[in-house]
Protein backbone atom coordinates (compact mmCIF):
# COMPACT_ATOMS: atom_id res chain seq x y z
CA MET A 1 -17.71 98.13 -89.33
CA THR A 2 -20.03 96.24 -86.97
CA ASN A 3 -17.09 94.15 -85.72
CA SER A 4 -15.19 97.28 -84.74
CA ILE A 5 -18.23 98.69 -82.90
CA GLY A 6 -18.67 95.42 -81.04
CA LEU A 7 -14.99 95.41 -80.17
CA LEU A 8 -15.22 98.98 -78.88
CA ILE A 9 -18.15 98.02 -76.67
CA VAL A 10 -16.22 95.05 -75.27
CA TYR A 11 -13.17 97.27 -74.58
CA PHE A 12 -15.38 99.87 -72.91
CA ILE A 13 -16.98 97.30 -70.60
CA ALA A 14 -13.63 95.71 -69.75
CA GLY A 15 -12.14 99.14 -69.06
CA TYR A 16 -15.04 100.06 -66.83
CA ILE A 17 -14.62 96.87 -64.80
CA VAL A 18 -10.87 97.40 -64.40
CA VAL A 19 -11.24 101.07 -63.42
CA SER A 20 -14.02 100.35 -60.90
CA PHE A 21 -11.92 97.58 -59.37
CA ILE A 22 -8.87 99.86 -59.13
CA PHE A 23 -10.91 102.52 -57.35
CA SER A 24 -12.25 99.89 -54.95
CA VAL A 25 -8.73 98.65 -54.29
CA MET A 26 -7.50 102.20 -53.73
CA LYS A 27 -10.24 102.68 -51.13
CA ILE A 28 -9.15 99.49 -49.37
CA LYS A 29 -5.50 100.51 -49.52
CA LYS A 30 -6.24 103.92 -48.03
CA SER A 31 -8.13 102.38 -45.12
CA ASN A 32 -5.31 99.88 -44.53
CA THR A 33 -2.62 102.56 -44.37
CA ASP A 34 -4.53 104.31 -41.60
CA THR A 35 -4.39 101.29 -39.31
CA ASN A 36 -1.54 100.67 -36.92
CA ASN A 37 1.34 98.77 -38.55
CA LYS A 38 1.96 96.78 -35.36
CA GLU A 39 -1.34 94.90 -35.63
CA THR A 40 -1.17 91.30 -36.72
CA GLN A 41 -2.83 90.27 -39.97
CA GLU A 42 -5.60 88.50 -38.07
CA GLU A 43 -6.32 91.61 -35.99
CA LYS A 44 -6.48 93.71 -39.15
CA GLU A 45 -9.00 91.33 -40.71
CA THR A 46 -11.10 91.29 -37.57
CA ASN A 47 -10.98 95.08 -37.21
CA ASN A 48 -11.86 95.65 -40.86
CA TYR A 49 -14.75 93.24 -40.57
CA THR A 50 -16.15 94.69 -37.36
CA LYS A 51 -16.36 98.15 -38.89
CA LYS A 52 -19.16 96.98 -41.16
CA GLU A 53 -22.00 94.56 -40.71
CA TRP A 54 -22.34 91.56 -43.03
CA TYR A 55 -25.22 93.07 -44.97
CA GLN A 56 -23.22 96.25 -45.58
CA ILE A 57 -20.25 94.31 -46.92
CA LEU A 58 -22.45 92.22 -49.20
CA GLU A 59 -24.46 95.35 -50.08
CA ILE A 60 -27.85 93.81 -49.37
CA GLU A 61 -30.69 94.36 -46.93
CA LYS A 62 -30.49 92.87 -43.45
CA THR A 63 -33.77 91.07 -44.13
CA SER A 64 -32.48 89.34 -47.29
CA THR A 65 -33.18 85.66 -47.86
CA ILE A 66 -30.48 82.99 -48.00
CA GLU A 67 -30.80 82.89 -51.80
CA GLU A 68 -30.24 86.65 -52.01
CA ILE A 69 -27.25 86.36 -49.68
CA LYS A 70 -25.73 83.62 -51.85
CA LYS A 71 -26.29 85.66 -55.00
CA ALA A 72 -24.72 88.78 -53.46
CA TYR A 73 -21.78 86.70 -52.22
CA ARG A 74 -21.15 85.22 -55.68
CA ASN A 75 -21.34 88.65 -57.31
CA LYS A 76 -18.92 90.18 -54.80
CA MET A 77 -16.47 87.31 -55.18
CA LYS A 78 -16.58 87.66 -58.96
CA GLU A 79 -15.65 91.30 -58.52
CA TYR A 80 -12.89 90.90 -55.91
CA HIS A 81 -11.42 87.43 -56.43
CA PRO A 82 -7.58 87.58 -56.36
CA ASP A 83 -7.28 85.47 -59.52
CA ARG A 84 -9.02 88.20 -61.52
CA VAL A 85 -6.25 90.69 -60.76
CA ALA A 86 -3.25 88.37 -60.78
CA GLY A 87 -1.85 90.15 -63.83
CA LEU A 88 -2.07 93.61 -62.24
CA GLY A 89 0.67 92.98 -59.69
CA LYS A 90 1.25 91.71 -56.19
CA GLU A 91 -0.19 94.79 -54.49
CA PHE A 92 -3.56 94.44 -56.19
CA SER A 93 -3.60 90.70 -55.56
CA LYS A 94 -2.93 91.25 -51.86
CA LEU A 95 -5.71 93.83 -51.59
CA ALA A 96 -8.11 91.62 -53.49
CA GLU A 97 -7.23 88.75 -51.15
CA GLU A 98 -8.02 90.91 -48.10
CA LYS A 99 -11.33 92.00 -49.60
CA SER A 100 -12.17 88.38 -50.46
CA LYS A 101 -11.53 87.34 -46.86
CA GLU A 102 -13.79 90.14 -45.66
CA ILE A 103 -16.52 89.00 -48.06
CA ASN A 104 -16.12 85.38 -46.90
CA MET A 105 -16.40 86.40 -43.25
CA ALA A 106 -19.52 88.43 -44.02
CA TYR A 107 -21.05 85.51 -45.90
CA GLU A 108 -20.40 83.10 -43.04
CA GLU A 109 -21.91 85.56 -40.56
CA ALA A 110 -24.94 86.07 -42.80
CA ILE A 111 -25.61 82.35 -43.13
CA LYS A 112 -25.27 81.91 -39.35
CA ALA A 113 -27.68 84.79 -38.76
CA LYS A 114 -30.28 83.29 -41.10
CA ARG A 115 -30.16 79.75 -39.72
């Protein structure tokens, strides 16, 4: 009985993670379809990044310390890393890769701003 309850809890948590990721990916996909198809991939990445500041992408305060920035970066990468969604299909992997690049760019900008 306790094993089945534990298993249900694990399935619930895993389901929650998958559903929240899918909604995040859907948000990214919707914003990407609104952009001009003639833009190069690099222009798309730059335009997506410039819409938000680094602290907005990492979901932290602008006055955060380097340790807080690193922690936020690791948490975001755990959530959006392309390897986590490899089994969901190419479309999800591509969107996760774009989001990961955005997170990396934000992290680099944050570290530069703090040094």
